Amino acid sequence: MTLPEVLLWQELHGQKLGMKFRRQHPVGPYVADFCCMAAKLIVEIDGEAHNRGANPVRDAARDAFLSAQGFEIVRFAAKDVLENMDGVVALLRSKAENPLHHAFGAVPLPASGEEL
């Protein structure tokens, strides 16, 4: 793991955000830097190499595959993790608490007697 990944993992592990994150989690043919299965949230930390050569095309294909599997992908530049950890954590907390894609059965049913 890179330094930004190690530092972010210190903030994510142990359900510090109220959600369980896994690191280096396989999803299909890819390995996500961090993944919260309950929120269907994948977090990627991108170094400068992600902006060069064919990497942006590969990242787009990867993101398309992961999105098709129902995941929301959040990418941070490694520099942002190093320089603004509080902002990164705040955004991830918000995403984990309000996921775009709810896990199956995660949406509460109406209370007894309520209209559907």
PDB file of N, CA and C in Angstrom:
ATOM      1  N   MET A   1       0.843  -1.185   0.000  1.00  0.00           N
ATOM      2  CA  MET A   1       0.000   0.000   0.000  1.00  0.00           C
ATOM      3  C   MET A   1       0.885   1.244   0.000  1.00  0.00           C
ATOM      4  N   THR A   2       0.403   2.272  -0.665  1.00  0.00           N
ATOM      5  CA  THR A   2       1.122   3.542  -0.698  1.00  0.00           C
ATOM      6  C   THR A   2       0.866   4.305   0.602  1.00  0.00           C
ATOM      7  N   LEU A   3       1.664   5.336   0.858  1.00  0.00           N
ATOM      8  CA  LEU A   3       1.483   6.132   2.077  1.00  0.00           C
ATOM      9  C   LEU A   3       0.069   6.714   2.169  1.00  0.00           C
ATOM     10  N   PRO A   4      -0.471   7.330   1.108  1.00  0.00           N
ATOM     11  CA  PRO A   4      -1.845   7.837   1.221  1.00  0.00           C
ATOM     12  C   PRO A   4      -2.860   6.731   1.539  1.00  0.00           C
ATOM     13  N   GLU A   5      -2.664   5.542   0.983  1.00  0.00           N
ATOM     14  CA  GLU A   5      -3.569   4.428   1.276  1.00  0.00           C
ATOM     15  C   GLU A   5      -3.452   3.997   2.731  1.00  0.00           C
ATOM     16  N   VAL A   6      -2.235   3.926   3.244  1.00  0.00           N
ATOM     17  CA  VAL A   6      -2.022   3.549   4.648  1.00  0.00           C
ATOM     18  C   VAL A   6      -2.689   4.563   5.572  1.00  0.00           C
ATOM     19  N   LEU A   7      -2.497   5.838   5.284  1.00  0.00           N
ATOM     20  CA  LEU A   7      -3.076   6.881   6.132  1.00  0.00           C
ATOM     21  C   LEU A   7      -4.604   6.864   6.078  1.00  0.00           C
ATOM     22  N   LEU A   8      -5.167   6.660   4.898  1.00  0.00           N
ATOM     23  CA  LEU A   8      -6.626   6.599   4.801  1.00  0.00           C
ATOM     24  C   LEU A   8      -7.152   5.352   5.499  1.00  0.00           C
ATOM     25  N   TRP A   9      -6.451   4.240   5.379  1.00  0.00           N
ATOM     26  CA  TRP A   9      -6.886   3.012   6.046  1.00  0.00           C
ATOM     27  C   TRP A   9      -6.953   3.215   7.558  1.00  0.00           C
ATOM     28  N   GLN A  10      -6.036   3.984   8.112  1.00  0.00           N
ATOM     29  CA  GLN A  10      -6.075   4.271   9.549  1.00  0.00           C
ATOM     30  C   GLN A  10      -7.370   4.975   9.939  1.00  0.00           C
ATOM     31  N   GLU A  11      -7.926   5.740   9.014  1.00  0.00           N
ATOM     32  CA  GLU A  11      -9.189   6.445   9.270  1.00  0.00           C
ATOM     33  C   GLU A  11     -10.413   5.556   9.025  1.00  0.00           C
ATOM     34  N   LEU A  12     -10.279   4.551   8.169  1.00  0.00           N
ATOM     35  CA  LEU A  12     -11.431   3.745   7.768  1.00  0.00           C
ATOM     36  C   LEU A  12     -11.613   2.457   8.564  1.00  0.00           C
ATOM     37  N   HIS A  13     -10.514   1.823   8.979  1.00  0.00           N
ATOM     38  CA  HIS A  13     -10.658   0.497   9.592  1.00  0.00           C
ATOM     39  C   HIS A  13     -11.309   0.591  10.974  1.00  0.00           C
ATOM     40  N   GLY A  14     -11.872  -0.504  11.389  1.00  0.00           N
ATOM     41  CA  GLY A  14     -12.517  -0.546  12.692  1.00  0.00           C
ATOM     42  C   GLY A  14     -13.852   0.171  12.734  1.00  0.00           C
ATOM     43  N   GLN A  15     -14.472   0.350  11.589  1.00  0.00           N
ATOM     44  CA  GLN A  15     -15.784   0.984  11.473  1.00  0.00           C
ATOM     45  C   GLN A  15     -15.819   2.378  12.103  1.00  0.00           C
ATOM     46  N   LYS A  16     -14.729   3.117  11.965  1.00  0.00           N
ATOM     47  CA  LYS A  16     -14.669   4.466  12.528  1.00  0.00           C
ATOM     48  C   LYS A  16     -15.691   5.404  11.906  1.00  0.00           C
ATOM     49  N   LEU A  17     -16.111   5.123  10.675  1.00  0.00           N
ATOM     50  CA  LEU A  17     -17.135   5.944  10.030  1.00  0.00           C
ATOM     51  C   LEU A  17     -18.524   5.337  10.209  1.00  0.00           C
ATOM     52  N   GLY A  18     -18.616   4.294  11.016  1.00  0.00           N
ATOM     53  CA  GLY A  18     -19.890   3.626  11.212  1.00  0.00           C
ATOM     54  C   GLY A  18     -20.193   2.585  10.150  1.00  0.00           C
ATOM     55  N   MET A  19     -19.253   2.363   9.242  1.00  0.00           N
ATOM     56  CA  MET A  19     -19.416   1.379   8.175  1.00  0.00           C
ATOM     57  C   MET A  19     -18.142   0.545   8.091  1.00  0.00           C
ATOM     58  N   LYS A  20     -18.298  -0.707   7.683  1.00  0.00           N
ATOM     59  CA  LYS A  20     -17.140  -1.579   7.537  1.00  0.00           C
ATOM     60  C   LYS A  20     -16.544  -1.419   6.147  1.00  0.00           C
ATOM     61  N   PHE A  21     -15.288  -1.012   6.103  1.00  0.00           N
ATOM     62  CA  PHE A  21     -14.541  -0.931   4.849  1.00  0.00           C
ATOM     63  C   PHE A  21     -13.552  -2.083   4.792  1.00  0.00           C
ATOM     64  N   ARG A  22     -13.353  -2.600   3.600  1.00  0.00           N
ATOM     65  CA  ARG A  22     -12.337  -3.621   3.348  1.00  0.00           C
ATOM     66  C   ARG A  22     -11.260  -2.988   2.483  1.00  0.00           C
ATOM     67  N   ARG A  23     -10.033  -3.409   2.653  1.00  0.00           N
ATOM     68  CA  ARG A  23      -8.960  -2.889   1.796  1.00  0.00           C
ATOM     69  C   ARG A  23      -8.523  -3.969   0.823  1.00  0.00           C
ATOM     70  N   GLN A  24      -8.083  -3.519  -0.352  1.00  0.00           N
ATOM     71  CA  GLN A  24      -7.628  -4.427  -1.406  1.00  0.00           C
ATOM     72  C   GLN A  24      -8.657  -5.534  -1.633  1.00  0.00           C
ATOM     73  N   HIS A  25      -9.895  -5.113  -1.875  1.00  0.00           N
ATOM     74  CA  HIS A  25     -11.020  -6.046  -1.997  1.00  0.00           C
ATOM     75  C   HIS A  25     -11.300  -6.359  -3.470  1.00  0.00           C
ATOM     76  N   PRO A  26     -11.293  -7.658  -3.837  1.00  0.00           N
ATOM     77  CA  PRO A  26     -11.565  -8.016  -5.230  1.00  0.00           C
ATOM     78  C   PRO A  26     -13.038  -7.823  -5.592  1.00  0.00           C
ATOM     79  N   VAL A  27     -13.259  -7.215  -6.752  1.00  0.00           N
ATOM     80  CA  VAL A  27     -14.600  -7.063  -7.324  1.00  0.00           C
ATOM     81  C   VAL A  27     -14.464  -7.418  -8.801  1.00  0.00           C
ATOM     82  N   GLY A  28     -14.947  -8.590  -9.169  1.00  0.00           N
ATOM     83  CA  GLY A  28     -14.758  -9.059 -10.538  1.00  0.00           C
ATOM     84  C   GLY A  28     -13.275  -9.172 -10.829  1.00  0.00           C
ATOM     85  N   PRO A  29     -12.834  -8.680 -11.987  1.00  0.00           N
ATOM     86  CA  PRO A  29     -11.419  -8.782 -12.342  1.00  0.00           C
ATOM     87  C   PRO A  29     -10.555  -7.686 -11.709  1.00  0.00           C
ATOM     88  N   TYR A  30     -11.137  -6.833 -10.887  1.00  0.00           N
ATOM     89  CA  TYR A  30     -10.427  -5.681 -10.326  1.00  0.00           C
ATOM     90  C   TYR A  30     -10.249  -5.829  -8.819  1.00  0.00           C
ATOM     91  N   VAL A  31      -9.318  -5.055  -8.275  1.00  0.00           N
ATOM     92  CA  VAL A  31      -9.110  -4.984  -6.830  1.00  0.00           C
ATOM     93  C   VAL A  31      -9.297  -3.535  -6.421  1.00  0.00           C
ATOM     94  N   ALA A  32     -10.291  -3.299  -5.573  1.00  0.00           N
ATOM     95  CA  ALA A  32     -10.575  -1.945  -5.096  1.00  0.00           C
ATOM     96  C   ALA A  32      -9.628  -1.595  -3.960  1.00  0.00           C
ATOM     97  N   ASP A  33      -9.150  -0.354  -3.945  1.00  0.00           N
ATOM     98  CA  ASP A  33      -8.308   0.078  -2.826  1.00  0.00           C
ATOM     99  C   ASP A  33      -9.071  -0.110  -1.519  1.00  0.00           C
ATOM    100  N   PHE A  34     -10.308   0.402  -1.472  1.00  0.00           N
ATOM    101  CA  PHE A  34     -11.170   0.267  -0.298  1.00  0.00           C
ATOM    102  C   PHE A  34     -12.595   0.051  -0.779  1.00  0.00           C
ATOM    103  N   CYS A  35     -13.339  -0.773  -0.044  1.00  0.00           N
ATOM    104  CA  CYS A  35     -14.706  -1.083  -0.447  1.00  0.00           C
ATOM    105  C   CYS A  35     -15.590  -1.204   0.785  1.00  0.00           C
ATOM    106  N   CYS A  36     -16.731  -0.538   0.749  1.00  0.00           N
ATOM    107  CA  CYS A  36     -17.771  -0.694   1.764  1.00  0.00           C
ATOM    108  C   CYS A  36     -18.926  -1.409   1.079  1.00  0.00           C
ATOM    109  N   MET A  37     -19.087  -2.686   1.368  1.00  0.00           N
ATOM    110  CA  MET A  37     -20.116  -3.476   0.698  1.00  0.00           C
ATOM    111  C   MET A  37     -21.517  -3.005   1.069  1.00  0.00           C
ATOM    112  N   ALA A  38     -21.739  -2.629   2.316  1.00  0.00           N
ATOM    113  CA  ALA A  38     -23.075  -2.207   2.754  1.00  0.00           C
ATOM    114  C   ALA A  38     -23.555  -0.984   1.985  1.00  0.00           C
ATOM    115  N   ALA A  39     -22.642  -0.058   1.704  1.00  0.00           N
ATOM    116  CA  ALA A  39     -22.999   1.167   0.977  1.00  0.00           C
ATOM    117  C   ALA A  39     -22.724   1.046  -0.518  1.00  0.00           C
ATOM    118  N   LYS A  40     -22.174  -0.110  -0.946  1.00  0.00           N
ATOM    119  CA  LYS A  40     -21.786  -0.303  -2.352  1.00  0.00           C
ATOM    120  C   LYS A  40     -20.892   0.854  -2.806  1.00  0.00           C
ATOM    121  N   LEU A  41     -19.891   1.150  -1.986  1.00  0.00           N
ATOM    122  CA  LEU A  41     -19.000   2.284  -2.202  1.00  0.00           C
ATOM    123  C   LEU A  41     -17.572   1.790  -2.365  1.00  0.00           C
ATOM    124  N   ILE A  42     -16.928   2.200  -3.449  1.00  0.00           N
ATOM    125  CA  ILE A  42     -15.522   1.886  -3.694  1.00  0.00           C
ATOM    126  C   ILE A  42     -14.737   3.183  -3.661  1.00  0.00           C
ATOM    127  N   VAL A  43     -13.614   3.147  -2.946  1.00  0.00           N
ATOM    128  CA  VAL A  43     -12.740   4.310  -2.830  1.00  0.00           C
ATOM    129  C   VAL A  43     -11.410   3.965  -3.487  1.00  0.00           C
ATOM    130  N   GLU A  44     -10.986   4.804  -4.409  1.00  0.00           N
ATOM    131  CA  GLU A  44      -9.713   4.629  -5.103  1.00  0.00           C
ATOM    132  C   GLU A  44      -8.824   5.829  -4.823  1.00  0.00           C
ATOM    133  N   ILE A  45      -7.561   5.559  -4.547  1.00  0.00           N
ATOM    134  CA  ILE A  45      -6.564   6.604  -4.348  1.00  0.00           C
ATOM    135  C   ILE A  45      -5.661   6.587  -5.569  1.00  0.00           C
ATOM    136  N   ASP A  46      -5.638   7.691  -6.292  1.00  0.00           N
ATOM    137  CA  ASP A  46      -4.901   7.773  -7.547  1.00  0.00           C
ATOM    138  C   ASP A  46      -3.639   8.605  -7.402  1.00  0.00           C
ATOM    139  N   GLY A  47      -2.513   7.991  -7.741  1.00  0.00           N
ATOM    140  CA  GLY A  47      -1.265   8.731  -7.826  1.00  0.00           C
ATOM    141  C   GLY A  47      -1.189   9.446  -9.166  1.00  0.00           C
ATOM    142  N   GLU A  48      -0.099  10.139  -9.394  1.00  0.00           N
ATOM    143  CA  GLU A  48       0.050  10.911 -10.634  1.00  0.00           C
ATOM    144  C   GLU A  48       0.022  10.039 -11.882  1.00  0.00           C
ATOM    145  N   ALA A  49       0.416   8.785 -11.767  1.00  0.00           N
ATOM    146  CA  ALA A  49       0.455   7.894 -12.933  1.00  0.00           C
ATOM    147  C   ALA A  49      -0.934   7.668 -13.530  1.00  0.00           C
ATOM    148  N   HIS A  50      -1.978   7.860 -12.748  1.00  0.00           N
ATOM    149  CA  HIS A  50      -3.336   7.637 -13.258  1.00  0.00           C
ATOM    150  C   HIS A  50      -3.731   8.650 -14.325  1.00  0.00           C
ATOM    151  N   ASN A  51      -2.989   9.738 -14.427  1.00  0.00           N
ATOM    152  CA  ASN A  51      -3.304  10.774 -15.415  1.00  0.00           C
ATOM    153  C   ASN A  51      -2.492  10.643 -16.698  1.00  0.00           C
ATOM    154  N   ARG A  52      -1.637   9.624 -16.786  1.00  0.00           N
ATOM    155  CA  ARG A  52      -0.735   9.502 -17.934  1.00  0.00           C
ATOM    156  C   ARG A  52      -1.046   8.284 -18.786  1.00  0.00           C
ATOM    157  N   GLY A  53      -0.659   8.394 -20.043  1.00  0.00           N
ATOM    158  CA  GLY A  53      -0.748   7.265 -20.974  1.00  0.00           C
ATOM    159  C   GLY A  53      -2.157   6.723 -21.104  1.00  0.00           C
ATOM    160  N   ALA A  54      -2.253   5.399 -21.085  1.00  0.00           N
ATOM    161  CA  ALA A  54      -3.545   4.726 -21.242  1.00  0.00           C
ATOM    162  C   ALA A  54      -4.293   4.590 -19.920  1.00  0.00           C
ATOM    163  N   ASN A  55      -3.695   5.040 -18.829  1.00  0.00           N
ATOM    164  CA  ASN A  55      -4.329   4.865 -17.521  1.00  0.00           C
ATOM    165  C   ASN A  55      -5.716   5.490 -17.412  1.00  0.00           C
ATOM    166  N   PRO A  56      -5.951   6.707 -17.921  1.00  0.00           N
ATOM    167  CA  PRO A  56      -7.314   7.256 -17.833  1.00  0.00           C
ATOM    168  C   PRO A  56      -8.353   6.387 -18.552  1.00  0.00           C
ATOM    169  N   VAL A  57      -7.967   5.788 -19.671  1.00  0.00           N
ATOM    170  CA  VAL A  57      -8.885   4.911 -20.408  1.00  0.00           C
ATOM    171  C   VAL A  57      -9.158   3.650 -19.595  1.00  0.00           C
ATOM    172  N   ARG A  58      -8.110   3.083 -19.004  1.00  0.00           N
ATOM    173  CA  ARG A  58      -8.280   1.887 -18.166  1.00  0.00           C
ATOM    174  C   ARG A  58      -9.144   2.197 -16.948  1.00  0.00           C
ATOM    175  N   ASP A  59      -8.899   3.356 -16.322  1.00  0.00           N
ATOM    176  CA  ASP A  59      -9.703   3.743 -15.157  1.00  0.00           C
ATOM    177  C   ASP A  59     -11.171   3.909 -15.538  1.00  0.00           C
ATOM    178  N   ALA A  60     -11.441   4.483 -16.704  1.00  0.00           N
ATOM    179  CA  ALA A  60     -12.826   4.672 -17.157  1.00  0.00           C
ATOM    180  C   ALA A  60     -13.504   3.320 -17.387  1.00  0.00           C
ATOM    181  N   ALA A  61     -12.789   2.373 -17.986  1.00  0.00           N
ATOM    182  CA  ALA A  61     -13.349   1.039 -18.220  1.00  0.00           C
ATOM    183  C   ALA A  61     -13.609   0.332 -16.890  1.00  0.00           C
ATOM    184  N   ARG A  62     -12.685   0.474 -15.974  1.00  0.00           N
ATOM    185  CA  ARG A  62     -12.826  -0.119 -14.640  1.00  0.00           C
ATOM    186  C   ARG A  62     -14.035   0.471 -13.926  1.00  0.00           C
ATOM    187  N   ASP A  63     -14.145   1.803 -13.954  1.00  0.00           N
ATOM    188  CA  ASP A  63     -15.271   2.477 -13.301  1.00  0.00           C
ATOM    189  C   ASP A  63     -16.598   2.053 -13.922  1.00  0.00           C
ATOM    190  N   ALA A  64     -16.630   1.899 -15.242  1.00  0.00           N
ATOM    191  CA  ALA A  64     -17.858   1.471 -15.919  1.00  0.00           C
ATOM    192  C   ALA A  64     -18.261   0.070 -15.463  1.00  0.00           C
ATOM    193  N   PHE A  65     -17.292  -0.832 -15.366  1.00  0.00           N
ATOM    194  CA  PHE A  65     -17.583  -2.189 -14.899  1.00  0.00           C
ATOM    195  C   PHE A  65     -18.110  -2.160 -13.474  1.00  0.00           C
ATOM    196  N   LEU A  66     -17.418  -1.444 -12.594  1.00  0.00           N
ATOM    197  CA  LEU A  66     -17.814  -1.401 -11.185  1.00  0.00           C
ATOM    198  C   LEU A  66     -19.182  -0.743 -11.012  1.00  0.00           C
ATOM    199  N   SER A  67     -19.446   0.300 -11.775  1.00  0.00           N
ATOM    200  CA  SER A  67     -20.763   0.957 -11.725  1.00  0.00           C
ATOM    201  C   SER A  67     -21.858  -0.002 -12.175  1.00  0.00           C
ATOM    202  N   ALA A  68     -21.560  -0.798 -13.197  1.00  0.00           N
ATOM    203  CA  ALA A  68     -22.539  -1.773 -13.685  1.00  0.00           C
ATOM    204  C   ALA A  68     -22.834  -2.844 -12.636  1.00  0.00           C
ATOM    205  N   GLN A  69     -21.911  -3.031 -11.703  1.00  0.00           N
ATOM    206  CA  GLN A  69     -22.122  -3.981 -10.609  1.00  0.00           C
ATOM    207  C   GLN A  69     -22.872  -3.333  -9.444  1.00  0.00           C
ATOM    208  N   GLY A  70     -23.217  -2.048  -9.596  1.00  0.00           N
ATOM    209  CA  GLY A  70     -23.991  -1.352  -8.570  1.00  0.00           C
ATOM    210  C   GLY A  70     -23.177  -0.537  -7.592  1.00  0.00           C
ATOM    211  N   PHE A  71     -21.889  -0.364  -7.858  1.00  0.00           N
ATOM    212  CA  PHE A  71     -21.027   0.394  -6.953  1.00  0.00           C
ATOM    213  C   PHE A  71     -20.941   1.859  -7.354  1.00  0.00           C
ATOM    214  N   GLU A  72     -20.803   2.711  -6.356  1.00  0.00           N
ATOM    215  CA  GLU A  72     -20.420   4.100  -6.584  1.00  0.00           C
ATOM    216  C   GLU A  72     -18.914   4.162  -6.374  1.00  0.00           C
ATOM    217  N   ILE A  73     -18.205   4.809  -7.275  1.00  0.00           N
ATOM    218  CA  ILE A  73     -16.752   4.910  -7.187  1.00  0.00           C
ATOM    219  C   ILE A  73     -16.388   6.345  -6.853  1.00  0.00           C
ATOM    220  N   VAL A  74     -15.577   6.495  -5.810  1.00  0.00           N
ATOM    221  CA  VAL A  74     -15.074   7.809  -5.424  1.00  0.00           C
ATOM    222  C   VAL A  74     -13.562   7.754  -5.570  1.00  0.00           C
ATOM    223  N   ARG A  75     -13.021   8.661  -6.362  1.00  0.00           N
ATOM    224  CA  ARG A  75     -11.574   8.721  -6.580  1.00  0.00           C
ATOM    225  C   ARG A  75     -11.004   9.978  -5.933  1.00  0.00           C
ATOM    226  N   PHE A  76      -9.900   9.791  -5.230  1.00  0.00           N
ATOM    227  CA  PHE A  76      -9.168  10.904  -4.644  1.00  0.00           C
ATOM    228  C   PHE A  76      -7.748  10.884  -5.176  1.00  0.00           C
ATOM    229  N   ALA A  77      -7.211  12.049  -5.448  1.00  0.00           N
ATOM    230  CA  ALA A  77      -5.791  12.151  -5.761  1.00  0.00           C
ATOM    231  C   ALA A  77      -5.017  11.881  -4.472  1.00  0.00           C
ATOM    232  N   ALA A  78      -3.903  11.185  -4.595  1.00  0.00           N
ATOM    233  CA  ALA A  78      -3.076  10.890  -3.425  1.00  0.00           C
ATOM    234  C   ALA A  78      -2.717  12.175  -2.680  1.00  0.00           C
ATOM    235  N   LYS A  79      -2.461  13.228  -3.430  1.00  0.00           N
ATOM    236  CA  LYS A  79      -2.112  14.518  -2.837  1.00  0.00           C
ATOM    237  C   LYS A  79      -3.238  15.036  -1.940  1.00  0.00           C
ATOM    238  N   ASP A  80      -4.493  14.849  -2.362  1.00  0.00           N
ATOM    239  CA  ASP A  80      -5.628  15.297  -1.555  1.00  0.00           C
ATOM    240  C   ASP A  80      -5.710  14.538  -0.238  1.00  0.00           C
ATOM    241  N   VAL A  81      -5.428  13.243  -0.272  1.00  0.00           N
ATOM    242  CA  VAL A  81      -5.440  12.447   0.953  1.00  0.00           C
ATOM    243  C   VAL A  81      -4.365  12.960   1.907  1.00  0.00           C
ATOM    244  N   LEU A  82      -3.197  13.267   1.373  1.00  0.00           N
ATOM    245  CA  LEU A  82      -2.096  13.742   2.214  1.00  0.00           C
ATOM    246  C   LEU A  82      -2.338  15.142   2.765  1.00  0.00           C
ATOM    247  N   GLU A  83      -2.987  15.996   1.977  1.00  0.00           N
ATOM    248  CA  GLU A  83      -3.122  17.403   2.364  1.00  0.00           C
ATOM    249  C   GLU A  83      -4.479  17.767   2.962  1.00  0.00           C
ATOM    250  N   ASN A  84      -5.492  16.932   2.771  1.00  0.00           N
ATOM    251  CA  ASN A  84      -6.830  17.279   3.246  1.00  0.00           C
ATOM    252  C   ASN A  84      -7.574  16.038   3.735  1.00  0.00           C
ATOM    253  N   MET A  85      -6.974  15.327   4.675  1.00  0.00           N
ATOM    254  CA  MET A  85      -7.584  14.095   5.180  1.00  0.00           C
ATOM    255  C   MET A  85      -8.965  14.358   5.779  1.00  0.00           C
ATOM    256  N   ASP A  86      -9.125  15.467   6.492  1.00  0.00           N
ATOM    257  CA  ASP A  86     -10.427  15.768   7.098  1.00  0.00           C
ATOM    258  C   ASP A  86     -11.515  15.887   6.035  1.00  0.00           C
ATOM    259  N   GLY A  87     -11.208  16.544   4.925  1.00  0.00           N
ATOM    260  CA  GLY A  87     -12.175  16.679   3.845  1.00  0.00           C
ATOM    261  C   GLY A  87     -12.495  15.348   3.189  1.00  0.00           C
ATOM    262  N   VAL A  88     -11.476  14.516   2.994  1.00  0.00           N
ATOM    263  CA  VAL A  88     -11.666  13.189   2.405  1.00  0.00           C
ATOM    264  C   VAL A  88     -12.575  12.353   3.303  1.00  0.00           C
ATOM    265  N   VAL A  89     -12.276  12.342   4.593  1.00  0.00           N
ATOM    266  CA  VAL A  89     -13.067  11.551   5.543  1.00  0.00           C
ATOM    267  C   VAL A  89     -14.502  12.068   5.615  1.00  0.00           C
ATOM    268  N   ALA A  90     -14.676  13.387   5.611  1.00  0.00           N
ATOM    269  CA  ALA A  90     -16.028  13.961   5.663  1.00  0.00           C
ATOM    270  C   ALA A  90     -16.846  13.540   4.441  1.00  0.00           C
ATOM    271  N   LEU A  91     -16.232  13.567   3.267  1.00  0.00           N
ATOM    272  CA  LEU A  91     -16.943  13.156   2.057  1.00  0.00           C
ATOM    273  C   LEU A  91     -17.302  11.673   2.114  1.00  0.00           C
ATOM    274  N   LEU A  92     -16.364  10.842   2.571  1.00  0.00           N
ATOM    275  CA  LEU A  92     -16.641   9.408   2.652  1.00  0.00           C
ATOM    276  C   LEU A  92     -17.716   9.111   3.686  1.00  0.00           C
ATOM    277  N   ARG A  93     -17.701   9.822   4.791  1.00  0.00           N
ATOM    278  CA  ARG A  93     -18.745   9.635   5.804  1.00  0.00           C
ATOM    279  C   ARG A  93     -20.114   9.947   5.192  1.00  0.00           C
ATOM    280  N   SER A  94     -20.192  11.039   4.460  1.00  0.00           N
ATOM    281  CA  SER A  94     -21.446  11.424   3.812  1.00  0.00           C
ATOM    282  C   SER A  94     -21.895  10.368   2.803  1.00  0.00           C
ATOM    283  N   LYS A  95     -20.963   9.877   2.001  1.00  0.00           N
ATOM    284  CA  LYS A  95     -21.289   8.860   0.994  1.00  0.00           C
ATOM    285  C   LYS A  95     -21.733   7.553   1.656  1.00  0.00           C
ATOM    286  N   ALA A  96     -21.056   7.165   2.737  1.00  0.00           N
ATOM    287  CA  ALA A  96     -21.398   5.917   3.421  1.00  0.00           C
ATOM    288  C   ALA A  96     -22.756   6.016   4.107  1.00  0.00           C
ATOM    289  N   GLU A  97     -23.078   7.198   4.629  1.00  0.00           N
ATOM    290  CA  GLU A  97     -24.357   7.386   5.316  1.00  0.00           C
ATOM    291  C   GLU A  97     -25.511   7.547   4.338  1.00  0.00           C
ATOM    292  N   ASN A  98     -25.228   8.035   3.137  1.00  0.00           N
ATOM    293  CA  ASN A  98     -26.260   8.293   2.132  1.00  0.00           C
ATOM    294  C   ASN A  98     -25.869   7.688   0.788  1.00  0.00           C
ATOM    295  N   PRO A  99     -25.791   6.355   0.714  1.00  0.00           N
ATOM    296  CA  PRO A  99     -25.325   5.731  -0.530  1.00  0.00           C
ATOM    297  C   PRO A  99     -26.298   5.947  -1.680  1.00  0.00           C
ATOM    298  N   LEU A 100     -25.732   6.006  -2.887  1.00  0.00           N
ATOM    299  CA  LEU A 100     -26.565   6.089  -4.088  1.00  0.00           C
ATOM    300  C   LEU A 100     -27.304   4.782  -4.327  1.00  0.00           C
ATOM    301  N   HIS A 101     -26.658   3.684  -4.000  1.00  0.00           N
ATOM    302  CA  HIS A 101     -27.204   2.356  -4.256  1.00  0.00           C
ATOM    303  C   HIS A 101     -27.390   1.663  -2.915  1.00  0.00           C
ATOM    304  N   HIS A 102     -28.609   1.357  -2.571  1.00  0.00           N
ATOM    305  CA  HIS A 102     -28.870   0.651  -1.327  1.00  0.00           C
ATOM    306  C   HIS A 102     -28.678  -0.842  -1.549  1.00  0.00           C
ATOM    307  N   ALA A 103     -28.065  -1.486  -0.572  1.00  0.00           N
ATOM    308  CA  ALA A 103     -27.932  -2.934  -0.640  1.00  0.00           C
ATOM    309  C   ALA A 103     -29.328  -3.557  -0.611  1.00  0.00           C
ATOM    310  N   PHE A 104     -29.474  -4.740  -1.184  1.00  0.00           N
ATOM    311  CA  PHE A 104     -30.763  -5.412  -1.240  1.00  0.00           C
ATOM    312  C   PHE A 104     -31.348  -5.509   0.159  1.00  0.00           C
ATOM    313  N   GLY A 105     -32.580  -5.066   0.312  1.00  0.00           N
ATOM    314  CA  GLY A 105     -33.245  -5.145   1.602  1.00  0.00           C
ATOM    315  C   GLY A 105     -32.892  -4.013   2.543  1.00  0.00           C
ATOM    316  N   ALA A 106     -32.047  -3.091   2.129  1.00  0.00           N
ATOM    317  CA  ALA A 106     -31.609  -2.033   3.030  1.00  0.00           C
ATOM    318  C   ALA A 106     -32.620  -0.898   3.131  1.00  0.00           C
ATOM    319  N   VAL A 107     -33.527  -0.796   2.174  1.00  0.00           N
ATOM    320  CA  VAL A 107     -34.534   0.258   2.212  1.00  0.00           C
ATOM    321  C   VAL A 107     -35.654  -0.207   3.126  1.00  0.00           C
ATOM    322  N   PRO A 108     -35.965   0.568   4.187  1.00  0.00           N
ATOM    323  CA  PRO A 108     -36.986   0.110   5.133  1.00  0.00           C
ATOM    324  C   PRO A 108     -38.362   0.050   4.486  1.00  0.00           C
ATOM    325  N   LEU A 109     -39.128  -0.926   4.900  1.00  0.00           N
ATOM    326  CA  LEU A 109     -40.498  -1.057   4.428  1.00  0.00           C
ATOM    327  C   LEU A 109     -41.378  -0.065   5.171  1.00  0.00           C
ATOM    328  N   PRO A 110     -42.504   0.328   4.585  1.00  0.00           N
ATOM    329  CA  PRO A 110     -43.414   1.231   5.288  1.00  0.00           C
ATOM    330  C   PRO A 110     -43.905   0.589   6.578  1.00  0.00           C
ATOM    331  N   ALA A 111     -44.167   1.410   7.589  1.00  0.00           N
ATOM    332  CA  ALA A 111     -44.691   0.906   8.850  1.00  0.00           C
ATOM    333  C   ALA A 111     -46.077   0.323   8.617  1.00  0.00           C
ATOM    334  N   SER A 112     -46.487  -0.529   9.493  1.00  0.00           N
ATOM    335  CA  SER A 112     -47.792  -1.169   9.378  1.00  0.00           C
ATOM    336  C   SER A 112     -48.889  -0.127   9.216  1.00  0.00           C
ATOM    337  N   GLY A 113     -49.724  -0.316   8.218  1.00  0.00           N
ATOM    338  CA  GLY A 113     -50.832   0.593   7.975  1.00  0.00           C
ATOM    339  C   GLY A 113     -50.506   1.745   7.052  1.00  0.00           C
ATOM    340  N   GLU A 114     -49.230   1.954   6.706  1.00  0.00           N
ATOM    341  CA  GLU A 114     -48.861   3.038   5.796  1.00  0.00           C
ATOM    342  C   GLU A 114     -49.122   2.613   4.362  1.00  0.00           C
ATOM    343  N   GLU A 115     -49.450   3.583   3.544  1.00  0.00           N
ATOM    344  CA  GLU A 115     -49.660   3.332   2.123  1.00  0.00           C
ATOM    345  C   GLU A 115     -48.327   3.083   1.439  1.00  0.00           C
ATOM    346  N   LEU A 116     -48.331   2.222   0.431  1.00  0.00           N
ATOM    347  CA  LEU A 116     -47.116   1.975  -0.339  1.00  0.00           C
ATOM    348  C   LEU A 116     -46.909   3.029  -1.327  1.00  0.00           C
TER     349      LEU A 116
END
